[in-house]
């Protein structure tokens, strides 16, 4: 029963949430909370490894808003690993792994994030179970429990 009482104090997330990646300059990105995925994944394009201060880094762009390619955030992050990842369709891909700050509601902590092209996917980010472990409970029947959606940006045109 003690474990249950402790679990009840954890904040609850829905199956999708608005989160922020402050280290990358992203105030809001819609993430699918995916307890089936071990590692979190972030949409990235034009991914280019580089050296900064003797460290292996990666420069990349990302489109933080679904179905919008006109909003671009340019990022630079240190590479902490490169891994062979198997996606939900069974395809294997080598991905750069970065460590970046994640903010969900009022909580902020560093998480490992793999970089991959998610342009055609329903969400630009997956929040995997390694990032959630010990911090949150997930209610798959609910959405957007950690914060309200950001104001809508008008489409260009």
N, C-alpha and C. Protein backbone atom coordinates (compact mmCIF):
# COMPACT_ATOMS: atom_id res chain seq x y z
N UNK A 1 0.81 -1.19 0.00
CA UNK A 1 0.00 0.00 0.00
C UNK A 1 0.86 1.26 0.00
N UNK A 2 2.04 1.20 0.61
CA UNK A 2 2.92 2.38 0.63
C UNK A 2 3.31 2.77 -0.79
N UNK A 3 3.58 1.80 -1.66
CA UNK A 3 3.92 2.09 -3.05
C UNK A 3 2.78 2.78 -3.78
N UNK A 4 1.57 2.38 -3.49
CA UNK A 4 0.39 2.99 -4.10
C UNK A 4 0.23 4.45 -3.66
N UNK A 5 0.43 4.71 -2.37
CA UNK A 5 0.30 6.08 -1.87
C UNK A 5 1.35 6.97 -2.51
N UNK A 6 2.57 6.47 -2.67
CA UNK A 6 3.63 7.25 -3.30
C UNK A 6 3.29 7.49 -4.77
N UNK A 7 2.78 6.47 -5.46
CA UNK A 7 2.43 6.61 -6.88
C UNK A 7 1.32 7.63 -7.07
N UNK A 8 0.40 7.71 -6.13
CA UNK A 8 -0.72 8.64 -6.25
C UNK A 8 -0.26 10.10 -6.23
N UNK A 9 0.91 10.38 -5.69
CA UNK A 9 1.41 11.75 -5.63
C UNK A 9 2.10 12.18 -6.93
N UNK A 10 2.36 11.28 -7.81
CA UNK A 10 3.01 11.63 -9.08
C UNK A 10 2.02 12.35 -9.97
N UNK A 11 2.49 13.37 -10.72
CA UNK A 11 1.60 14.03 -11.66
C UNK A 11 1.19 13.08 -12.78
N UNK A 12 0.03 13.33 -13.34
CA UNK A 12 -0.51 12.48 -14.40
C UNK A 12 -0.40 13.22 -15.74
N UNK A 13 0.05 12.49 -16.75
CA UNK A 13 0.11 13.00 -18.11
C UNK A 13 -0.92 12.26 -18.95
N UNK A 14 -1.38 12.91 -20.00
CA UNK A 14 -2.23 12.26 -20.98
C UNK A 14 -1.38 11.60 -22.05
N UNK A 15 -2.03 11.03 -23.05
CA UNK A 15 -1.30 10.33 -24.11
C UNK A 15 -0.61 11.30 -25.07
N UNK A 16 -0.99 12.58 -24.99
CA UNK A 16 -0.28 13.63 -25.73
C UNK A 16 -0.22 14.86 -24.84
N UNK A 17 0.91 15.57 -24.95
CA UNK A 17 1.16 16.72 -24.08
C UNK A 17 1.93 17.80 -24.83
N UNK A 18 1.72 19.05 -24.44
CA UNK A 18 2.56 20.15 -24.88
C UNK A 18 3.75 20.22 -23.93
N UNK A 19 4.96 20.18 -24.48
CA UNK A 19 6.17 20.25 -23.69
C UNK A 19 7.09 21.33 -24.28
N UNK A 20 8.15 21.64 -23.57
CA UNK A 20 9.14 22.61 -24.06
C UNK A 20 10.52 21.98 -24.03
N UNK A 21 11.38 22.44 -24.93
CA UNK A 21 12.78 22.05 -24.98
C UNK A 21 13.61 23.33 -24.88
N UNK A 22 13.71 23.90 -23.66
CA UNK A 22 14.32 25.23 -23.52
C UNK A 22 15.76 25.32 -24.00
N UNK A 23 16.55 24.26 -23.85
CA UNK A 23 17.95 24.30 -24.30
C UNK A 23 18.06 24.43 -25.82
N UNK A 24 17.00 24.03 -26.52
CA UNK A 24 16.99 24.09 -27.99
C UNK A 24 16.20 25.28 -28.50
N UNK A 25 15.65 26.08 -27.60
CA UNK A 25 14.88 27.26 -28.02
C UNK A 25 13.47 26.94 -28.47
N UNK A 26 12.93 25.83 -28.00
CA UNK A 26 11.57 25.41 -28.37
C UNK A 26 10.65 25.63 -27.17
N UNK A 27 9.76 26.62 -27.30
CA UNK A 27 8.82 26.93 -26.22
C UNK A 27 7.68 25.93 -26.11
N UNK A 28 7.28 25.36 -27.25
CA UNK A 28 6.15 24.42 -27.25
C UNK A 28 6.26 23.47 -28.43
N UNK A 29 6.13 22.19 -28.13
CA UNK A 29 6.07 21.16 -29.15
C UNK A 29 5.13 20.09 -28.63
N UNK A 30 4.27 19.60 -29.51
CA UNK A 30 3.31 18.57 -29.12
C UNK A 30 4.03 17.22 -29.15
N UNK A 31 3.99 16.53 -28.01
CA UNK A 31 4.66 15.23 -27.90
C UNK A 31 3.64 14.13 -27.66
N UNK A 32 3.86 13.01 -28.31
CA UNK A 32 3.09 11.81 -28.02
C UNK A 32 3.80 11.10 -26.87
N UNK A 33 3.07 10.86 -25.80
CA UNK A 33 3.62 10.14 -24.66
C UNK A 33 3.54 8.66 -25.02
N UNK A 34 4.70 8.05 -25.26
CA UNK A 34 4.76 6.70 -25.82
C UNK A 34 5.51 5.77 -24.88
N UNK A 35 4.76 5.10 -24.01
CA UNK A 35 5.39 4.19 -23.05
C UNK A 35 5.92 2.93 -23.74
N UNK A 36 5.59 2.73 -24.99
CA UNK A 36 6.14 1.61 -25.75
C UNK A 36 7.51 1.89 -26.31
N UNK A 37 7.88 3.17 -26.37
CA UNK A 37 9.20 3.56 -26.86
C UNK A 37 10.12 3.78 -25.67
N UNK A 38 11.29 3.17 -25.71
CA UNK A 38 12.23 3.34 -24.61
C UNK A 38 12.82 4.75 -24.59
N UNK A 39 13.31 5.21 -25.75
CA UNK A 39 13.98 6.50 -25.83
C UNK A 39 13.08 7.52 -26.51
N UNK A 40 13.20 8.76 -26.12
CA UNK A 40 12.45 9.84 -26.75
C UNK A 40 13.06 10.15 -28.12
N UNK A 41 12.23 10.64 -29.04
CA UNK A 41 12.69 10.95 -30.39
C UNK A 41 12.17 12.32 -30.79
N UNK A 42 13.01 13.06 -31.49
CA UNK A 42 12.69 14.41 -31.91
C UNK A 42 12.85 14.54 -33.41
N UNK A 43 11.88 15.19 -34.05
CA UNK A 43 11.97 15.45 -35.48
C UNK A 43 13.17 16.35 -35.76
N UNK A 44 14.01 15.96 -36.70
CA UNK A 44 15.17 16.77 -37.09
C UNK A 44 15.42 16.60 -38.58
N UNK A 45 15.84 17.70 -39.22
CA UNK A 45 16.23 17.63 -40.62
C UNK A 45 17.52 18.41 -40.80
N UNK A 46 18.17 18.21 -41.94
CA UNK A 46 19.45 18.87 -42.22
C UNK A 46 20.42 18.65 -41.07
N UNK A 47 20.52 17.39 -40.63
CA UNK A 47 21.36 17.01 -39.49
C UNK A 47 22.81 16.94 -39.95
N UNK A 48 23.67 17.73 -39.29
CA UNK A 48 25.08 17.79 -39.69
C UNK A 48 25.98 17.73 -38.46
N UNK A 49 26.81 16.68 -38.38
CA UNK A 49 27.77 16.63 -37.27
C UNK A 49 28.82 17.74 -37.44
N UNK A 50 29.34 18.23 -36.31
CA UNK A 50 30.36 19.27 -36.34
C UNK A 50 31.17 19.19 -35.05
N UNK A 51 32.23 19.97 -34.97
CA UNK A 51 33.05 20.06 -33.76
C UNK A 51 32.90 21.45 -33.17
N UNK A 52 32.62 21.52 -31.89
CA UNK A 52 32.52 22.78 -31.16
C UNK A 52 33.35 22.62 -29.89
N UNK A 53 34.42 23.40 -29.78
CA UNK A 53 35.27 23.30 -28.59
C UNK A 53 35.84 21.92 -28.39
N UNK A 54 36.13 21.21 -29.48
CA UNK A 54 36.69 19.87 -29.39
C UNK A 54 35.67 18.76 -29.13
N UNK A 55 34.41 19.13 -28.97
CA UNK A 55 33.36 18.13 -28.70
C UNK A 55 32.58 17.84 -29.98
N UNK A 56 32.14 16.59 -30.12
CA UNK A 56 31.28 16.24 -31.24
C UNK A 56 29.88 16.79 -30.97
N UNK A 57 29.40 17.59 -31.90
CA UNK A 57 28.07 18.19 -31.79
C UNK A 57 27.30 17.90 -33.06
N UNK A 58 26.06 18.33 -33.08
CA UNK A 58 25.23 18.19 -34.26
C UNK A 58 24.41 19.47 -34.42
N UNK A 59 24.38 19.96 -35.65
CA UNK A 59 23.52 21.08 -36.01
C UNK A 59 22.34 20.49 -36.78
N UNK A 60 21.14 21.00 -36.48
CA UNK A 60 19.96 20.48 -37.17
C UNK A 60 18.85 21.51 -37.11
N UNK A 61 17.88 21.31 -37.97
CA UNK A 61 16.68 22.12 -37.94
C UNK A 61 15.51 21.26 -37.50
N UNK A 62 14.50 21.93 -36.96
CA UNK A 62 13.28 21.20 -36.65
C UNK A 62 12.08 22.10 -36.88
N UNK A 63 11.00 21.46 -37.23
CA UNK A 63 9.71 22.12 -37.40
C UNK A 63 8.88 21.74 -36.17
N UNK A 64 8.75 22.65 -35.19
CA UNK A 64 8.08 22.26 -33.95
C UNK A 64 6.55 22.14 -34.08
N UNK A 65 5.97 22.69 -35.13
CA UNK A 65 4.51 22.66 -35.27
C UNK A 65 4.09 21.64 -36.32
N UNK A 66 3.09 20.85 -35.97
CA UNK A 66 2.55 19.84 -36.89
C UNK A 66 2.08 20.48 -38.19
N UNK A 67 2.31 19.80 -39.27
CA UNK A 67 1.83 20.21 -40.60
C UNK A 67 2.28 21.62 -40.98
N UNK A 68 3.37 22.10 -40.38
CA UNK A 68 3.90 23.43 -40.69
C UNK A 68 5.40 23.31 -40.94
N UNK A 69 5.83 23.62 -42.14
CA UNK A 69 7.27 23.61 -42.43
C UNK A 69 7.82 25.03 -42.53
N UNK A 70 6.95 26.05 -42.36
CA UNK A 70 7.41 27.44 -42.44
C UNK A 70 8.03 27.92 -41.13
N UNK A 71 7.74 27.25 -40.02
CA UNK A 71 8.33 27.60 -38.73
C UNK A 71 9.52 26.66 -38.50
N UNK A 72 10.72 27.25 -38.44
CA UNK A 72 11.95 26.47 -38.31
C UNK A 72 12.72 26.95 -37.09
N UNK A 73 13.20 26.00 -36.31
CA UNK A 73 14.11 26.30 -35.20
C UNK A 73 15.44 25.63 -35.54
N UNK A 74 16.52 26.41 -35.56
CA UNK A 74 17.86 25.88 -35.81
C UNK A 74 18.50 25.57 -34.46
N UNK A 75 19.09 24.39 -34.36
CA UNK A 75 19.60 23.91 -33.08
C UNK A 75 21.05 23.45 -33.19
N UNK A 76 21.73 23.49 -32.06
CA UNK A 76 23.07 22.95 -31.89
C UNK A 76 23.07 22.21 -30.57
N UNK A 77 23.53 20.96 -30.57
CA UNK A 77 23.57 20.17 -29.34
C UNK A 77 24.76 19.23 -29.38
N UNK A 78 25.27 18.93 -28.20
CA UNK A 78 26.36 17.97 -28.09
C UNK A 78 25.83 16.55 -28.29
N UNK A 79 26.58 15.75 -29.02
CA UNK A 79 26.22 14.35 -29.25
C UNK A 79 26.73 13.53 -28.06
N UNK A 80 25.85 12.75 -27.45
CA UNK A 80 26.25 11.90 -26.33
C UNK A 80 26.37 10.44 -26.75
N UNK A 81 25.81 10.09 -27.92
CA UNK A 81 25.87 8.70 -28.39
C UNK A 81 25.36 8.65 -29.82
N UNK A 82 25.58 7.52 -30.44
CA UNK A 82 24.97 7.21 -31.73
C UNK A 82 24.48 5.78 -31.61
N UNK A 83 23.19 5.55 -31.89
CA UNK A 83 22.58 4.24 -31.64
C UNK A 83 21.81 3.74 -32.84
N UNK A 84 21.77 2.42 -32.95
CA UNK A 84 20.93 1.77 -33.93
C UNK A 84 19.55 1.60 -33.29
N UNK A 85 18.56 2.30 -33.83
CA UNK A 85 17.21 2.31 -33.27
C UNK A 85 16.26 1.58 -34.22
N UNK A 86 15.41 0.75 -33.65
CA UNK A 86 14.37 0.09 -34.44
C UNK A 86 13.06 0.83 -34.19
N UNK A 87 12.44 1.35 -35.27
CA UNK A 87 11.20 2.10 -35.11
C UNK A 87 10.01 1.14 -35.01
N UNK A 88 8.82 1.69 -34.84
CA UNK A 88 7.63 0.86 -34.64
C UNK A 88 7.30 0.01 -35.85
N UNK A 89 7.81 0.38 -37.02
CA UNK A 89 7.59 -0.41 -38.23
C UNK A 89 8.65 -1.48 -38.44
N UNK A 90 9.61 -1.58 -37.51
CA UNK A 90 10.65 -2.59 -37.62
C UNK A 90 11.88 -2.14 -38.40
N UNK A 91 11.89 -0.89 -38.87
CA UNK A 91 13.04 -0.38 -39.63
C UNK A 91 14.14 0.05 -38.68
N UNK A 92 15.38 -0.27 -39.04
CA UNK A 92 16.53 0.09 -38.22
C UNK A 92 17.22 1.31 -38.82
N UNK A 93 17.66 2.22 -37.93
CA UNK A 93 18.29 3.45 -38.38
C UNK A 93 19.32 3.90 -37.33
N UNK A 94 20.51 4.31 -37.80
CA UNK A 94 21.49 4.90 -36.90
C UNK A 94 21.06 6.33 -36.61
N UNK A 95 21.01 6.69 -35.33
CA UNK A 95 20.58 8.03 -34.94
C UNK A 95 21.58 8.66 -33.97
N UNK A 96 21.75 9.98 -34.11
CA UNK A 96 22.48 10.73 -33.11
C UNK A 96 21.61 10.84 -31.87
N UNK A 97 22.26 10.82 -30.70
CA UNK A 97 21.56 10.99 -29.42
C UNK A 97 22.13 12.24 -28.76
N UNK A 98 21.23 13.13 -28.33
CA UNK A 98 21.63 14.34 -27.62
C UNK A 98 21.03 14.29 -26.21
N UNK A 99 21.58 15.08 -25.32
CA UNK A 99 21.02 15.25 -23.98
C UNK A 99 20.55 16.70 -23.91
N UNK A 100 19.27 16.90 -23.66
CA UNK A 100 18.72 18.25 -23.63
C UNK A 100 17.69 18.39 -22.53
N UNK A 101 17.48 19.61 -22.09
CA UNK A 101 16.48 19.86 -21.06
C UNK A 101 15.08 19.71 -21.62
N UNK A 102 14.22 19.06 -20.85
CA UNK A 102 12.81 18.87 -21.19
C UNK A 102 11.99 19.50 -20.07
N UNK A 103 10.98 20.28 -20.45
CA UNK A 103 10.07 20.83 -19.45
C UNK A 103 8.67 20.32 -19.73
N UNK A 104 8.10 19.69 -18.70
CA UNK A 104 6.73 19.20 -18.74
C UNK A 104 6.03 19.82 -17.54
N UNK A 105 5.06 20.68 -17.81
CA UNK A 105 4.44 21.42 -16.72
C UNK A 105 5.48 22.27 -16.04
N UNK A 106 5.61 22.14 -14.73
CA UNK A 106 6.60 22.91 -13.97
C UNK A 106 7.91 22.16 -13.77
N UNK A 107 7.96 20.90 -14.18
CA UNK A 107 9.17 20.10 -13.98
C UNK A 107 10.10 20.21 -15.18
N UNK A 108 11.41 20.28 -14.89
CA UNK A 108 12.43 20.34 -15.94
C UNK A 108 13.59 19.43 -15.55
N UNK A 109 14.06 18.62 -16.51
CA UNK A 109 15.17 17.71 -16.25
C UNK A 109 15.79 17.33 -17.60
N UNK A 110 17.05 16.83 -17.59
CA UNK A 110 17.70 16.44 -18.84
C UNK A 110 17.22 15.07 -19.31
N UNK A 111 17.02 14.95 -20.62
CA UNK A 111 16.61 13.67 -21.22
C UNK A 111 17.45 13.38 -22.46
N UNK A 112 17.65 12.10 -22.72
CA UNK A 112 18.26 11.69 -23.97
C UNK A 112 17.20 11.72 -25.05
N UNK A 113 17.59 12.22 -26.21
CA UNK A 113 16.66 12.37 -27.33
C UNK A 113 17.38 11.90 -28.59
N UNK A 114 16.75 10.99 -29.35
CA UNK A 114 17.33 10.63 -30.64
C UNK A 114 16.78 11.58 -31.69
N UNK A 115 17.57 11.84 -32.72
CA UNK A 115 17.17 12.73 -33.80
C UNK A 115 16.83 11.91 -35.04
N UNK A 116 15.66 12.17 -35.62
CA UNK A 116 15.22 11.44 -36.79
C UNK A 116 14.20 12.27 -37.56
N UNK A 117 13.99 11.93 -38.81
CA UNK A 117 13.01 12.63 -39.64
C UNK A 117 11.62 12.11 -39.29
N UNK A 118 10.81 12.95 -38.65
CA UNK A 118 9.44 12.60 -38.29
C UNK A 118 8.44 13.46 -39.05
N UNK A 119 8.87 14.04 -40.17
CA UNK A 119 8.02 14.95 -40.95
C UNK A 119 6.66 14.33 -41.29
N UNK A 120 6.66 13.07 -41.64
CA UNK A 120 5.42 12.41 -42.07
C UNK A 120 4.65 11.80 -40.90
N UNK A 121 5.19 11.91 -39.69
CA UNK A 121 4.55 11.28 -38.54
C UNK A 121 3.51 12.22 -37.94
N UNK A 122 2.63 11.67 -37.13
CA UNK A 122 1.58 12.46 -36.51
C UNK A 122 2.08 13.42 -35.44
N UNK A 123 3.23 13.13 -34.85
CA UNK A 123 3.80 13.98 -33.81
C UNK A 123 5.27 14.23 -34.13
N UNK A 124 5.72 15.45 -33.86
CA UNK A 124 7.13 15.81 -34.11
C UNK A 124 8.04 15.30 -33.00
N UNK A 125 7.45 14.80 -31.92
CA UNK A 125 8.25 14.29 -30.82
C UNK A 125 7.55 13.13 -30.14
N UNK A 126 8.34 12.13 -29.76
CA UNK A 126 7.87 11.04 -28.91
C UNK A 126 8.54 11.19 -27.56
N UNK A 127 7.77 11.09 -26.51
CA UNK A 127 8.31 11.13 -25.15
C UNK A 127 8.29 9.70 -24.64
N UNK A 128 9.47 9.08 -24.60
CA UNK A 128 9.59 7.67 -24.25
C UNK A 128 9.63 7.40 -22.76
N UNK A 129 9.55 6.13 -22.41
CA UNK A 129 9.41 5.74 -21.00
C UNK A 129 10.66 6.04 -20.17
N UNK A 130 11.84 6.06 -20.77
CA UNK A 130 13.04 6.39 -19.99
C UNK A 130 12.96 7.81 -19.43
N UNK A 131 12.39 8.73 -20.19
CA UNK A 131 12.25 10.12 -19.73
C UNK A 131 11.17 10.25 -18.66
N UNK A 132 10.19 9.37 -18.68
CA UNK A 132 9.04 9.45 -17.77
C UNK A 132 9.24 8.69 -16.47
N UNK A 133 10.10 7.69 -16.50
CA UNK A 133 10.22 6.74 -15.39
C UNK A 133 10.42 7.44 -14.05
N UNK A 134 9.57 7.09 -13.11
CA UNK A 134 9.67 7.60 -11.75
C UNK A 134 9.13 9.02 -11.56
N UNK A 135 8.69 9.68 -12.63
CA UNK A 135 8.25 11.07 -12.54
C UNK A 135 6.75 11.25 -12.72
N UNK A 136 6.15 10.44 -13.60
CA UNK A 136 4.76 10.64 -13.98
C UNK A 136 4.02 9.32 -14.07
N UNK A 137 2.70 9.42 -13.98
CA UNK A 137 1.80 8.35 -14.37
C UNK A 137 1.16 8.79 -15.68
N UNK A 138 0.73 7.85 -16.50
CA UNK A 138 0.13 8.17 -17.79
C UNK A 138 -1.29 7.64 -17.83
N UNK A 139 -2.22 8.53 -18.16
CA UNK A 139 -3.62 8.16 -18.37
C UNK A 139 -3.87 8.20 -19.87
N UNK A 140 -3.94 7.04 -20.53
CA UNK A 140 -4.07 7.01 -21.99
C UNK A 140 -5.40 7.52 -22.51
N UNK A 141 -6.35 7.78 -21.63
CA UNK A 141 -7.65 8.29 -22.06
C UNK A 141 -7.76 9.80 -21.99
N UNK A 142 -6.67 10.48 -21.63
CA UNK A 142 -6.72 11.94 -21.46
C UNK A 142 -5.60 12.61 -22.25
N UNK A 143 -5.71 13.92 -22.45
CA UNK A 143 -4.72 14.69 -23.21
C UNK A 143 -4.46 16.03 -22.54
N UNK A 144 -3.26 16.55 -22.77
CA UNK A 144 -2.87 17.92 -22.40
C UNK A 144 -3.16 18.25 -20.94
N UNK A 145 -2.66 17.44 -20.04
CA UNK A 145 -2.88 17.65 -18.61
C UNK A 145 -1.80 18.53 -17.99
N UNK A 146 -0.64 18.65 -18.62
CA UNK A 146 0.48 19.37 -18.00
C UNK A 146 0.44 20.87 -18.23
N UNK A 147 -0.17 21.31 -19.32
CA UNK A 147 -0.28 22.74 -19.62
C UNK A 147 -1.26 22.95 -20.76
N UNK A 148 -1.83 24.14 -20.85
CA UNK A 148 -2.75 24.41 -21.96
C UNK A 148 -1.96 24.57 -23.27
N UNK A 149 -2.63 24.41 -24.39
CA UNK A 149 -1.93 24.60 -25.67
C UNK A 149 -1.49 26.04 -25.83
N UNK A 150 -0.38 26.26 -26.56
CA UNK A 150 0.07 27.62 -26.80
C UNK A 150 -0.88 28.33 -27.76
N UNK A 151 -0.83 29.68 -27.82
CA UNK A 151 -1.67 30.39 -28.79
C UNK A 151 -1.31 29.94 -30.20
N UNK A 152 -2.30 29.87 -31.06
CA UNK A 152 -2.09 29.43 -32.45
C UNK A 152 -1.38 30.52 -33.22
N UNK A 153 -0.42 30.09 -34.03
CA UNK A 153 0.27 31.01 -34.94
C UNK A 153 -0.45 30.97 -36.26
N UNK A 154 -0.71 32.11 -36.87
CA UNK A 154 -1.38 32.09 -38.17
C UNK A 154 -0.50 31.47 -39.25
N UNK A 155 -1.12 30.79 -40.18
CA UNK A 155 -0.40 30.22 -41.32
C UNK A 155 0.04 31.36 -42.23
N UNK A 156 1.16 31.17 -42.93
CA UNK A 156 1.63 32.23 -43.83
C UNK A 156 0.66 32.40 -44.99
N UNK A 157 0.64 33.61 -45.52
CA UNK A 157 -0.12 33.71 -46.72
C UNK A 157 -0.97 34.83 -46.90
